Amino acid sequence: MLDEQMVIELSAFADGELDAPRARELEERLAHSGELRRALAAIKTLDAETARLPVPSLPAERAAGAWRQVAERTAAESAADVGRV
């Protein structure tokens, strides 16, 4: 079973977000691990299925409120992470 960090890294790889050296390292690991290749395929399938979902429209006021909540939660989580370091 893959740990959470590896799943995050595979997702970043699928999205083209890894720097070149790390992407090459992961490609090497993928060449030798069926488990990693299956996990990457599942991530790519999930990405494709998610991309096909309809995007609901929100009134501007509701959208602004939702983004405010996201910002508040992100700030609170960041502050909590700093406290754990």
Protein backbone atom coordinates (compact mmCIF):
# COMPACT_ATOMS: atom_id res chain seq x y z
CA MET A 1 0.00 0.00 0.00
CA LEU A 2 1.27 3.45 -0.88
CA ASP A 3 1.71 6.09 1.75
CA GLU A 4 -0.02 9.44 1.49
CA GLN A 5 3.15 11.28 0.45
CA MET A 6 3.67 8.96 -2.52
CA VAL A 7 0.07 9.46 -3.65
CA ILE A 8 0.58 13.23 -3.44
CA GLU A 9 3.78 12.93 -5.45
CA LEU A 10 2.12 10.74 -8.09
CA SER A 11 -0.68 13.26 -8.39
CA ALA A 12 1.85 16.07 -8.85
CA PHE A 13 3.61 13.95 -11.48
CA ALA A 14 0.33 13.34 -13.32
CA ASP A 15 -0.32 17.09 -13.30
CA GLY A 16 3.19 17.91 -14.57
CA GLU A 17 4.05 19.73 -11.35
CA LEU A 18 7.31 17.96 -10.42
CA ASP A 19 10.66 19.46 -11.29
CA ALA A 20 12.66 17.58 -13.92
CA PRO A 21 15.05 15.73 -11.55
CA ARG A 22 12.23 14.51 -9.30
CA ALA A 23 10.10 13.53 -12.32
CA ARG A 24 13.00 11.44 -13.69
CA GLU A 25 13.41 9.72 -10.30
CA LEU A 26 9.74 8.90 -10.21
CA GLU A 27 9.78 7.66 -13.82
CA GLU A 28 12.56 5.26 -12.83
CA ARG A 29 10.50 3.99 -9.90
CA LEU A 30 7.44 3.66 -12.13
CA ALA A 31 9.46 1.53 -14.56
CA HIS A 32 10.06 -1.01 -11.79
CA SER A 33 6.82 -0.91 -9.81
CA GLY A 34 3.51 -2.19 -11.01
CA GLU A 35 1.89 -0.83 -7.85
CA LEU A 36 3.06 2.71 -8.67
CA ARG A 37 1.93 2.38 -12.29
CA ARG A 38 -1.52 1.20 -11.21
CA ALA A 39 -1.80 4.05 -8.71
CA LEU A 40 -0.76 6.58 -11.37
CA ALA A 41 -3.31 5.14 -13.80
CA ALA A 42 -6.01 5.42 -11.12
CA ILE A 43 -5.05 9.05 -10.45
CA LYS A 44 -5.19 9.87 -14.16
CA THR A 45 -8.59 8.18 -14.46
CA LEU A 46 -9.88 10.12 -11.47
CA ASP A 47 -8.55 13.37 -12.96
CA ALA A 48 -10.28 12.63 -16.28
CA GLU A 49 -13.57 11.71 -14.60
CA THR A 50 -13.43 14.81 -12.40
CA ALA A 51 -12.79 17.01 -15.44
CA ARG A 52 -16.03 15.75 -16.98
CA LEU A 53 -18.16 16.74 -13.98
CA PRO A 54 -20.42 19.71 -14.52
CA VAL A 55 -19.33 22.91 -12.83
CA PRO A 56 -22.23 24.50 -10.99
CA SER A 57 -22.61 28.22 -11.22
CA LEU A 58 -22.94 30.22 -8.04
CA PRO A 59 -24.23 33.71 -7.61
CA ALA A 60 -21.23 36.03 -7.16
CA GLU A 61 -22.17 36.76 -3.56
CA ARG A 62 -22.23 33.07 -2.61
CA ALA A 63 -18.98 32.40 -4.45
CA ALA A 64 -17.26 35.27 -2.65
CA GLY A 65 -18.47 33.89 0.68
CA ALA A 66 -17.20 30.43 -0.16
CA TRP A 67 -13.77 31.81 -1.11
CA ARG A 68 -13.66 33.78 2.15
CA GLN A 69 -14.27 30.56 4.06
CA VAL A 70 -11.53 28.79 2.12
CA ALA A 71 -9.09 31.62 2.89
CA GLU A 72 -10.01 31.58 6.58
CA ARG A 73 -9.59 27.82 6.87
CA THR A 74 -6.31 27.88 4.96
CA ALA A 75 -4.96 30.63 7.21
CA ALA A 76 -6.06 28.75 10.32
CA GLU A 77 -4.46 25.50 9.11
CA SER A 78 -1.25 27.31 8.18
CA ALA A 79 -1.10 28.89 11.62
CA ALA A 80 -1.65 25.48 13.22
CA ASP A 81 1.10 23.95 11.06
CA VAL A 82 3.54 26.64 12.15
CA GLY A 83 2.75 25.83 15.74
CA ARG A 84 3.62 22.16 15.14
CA VAL A 85 7.07 22.83 13.69
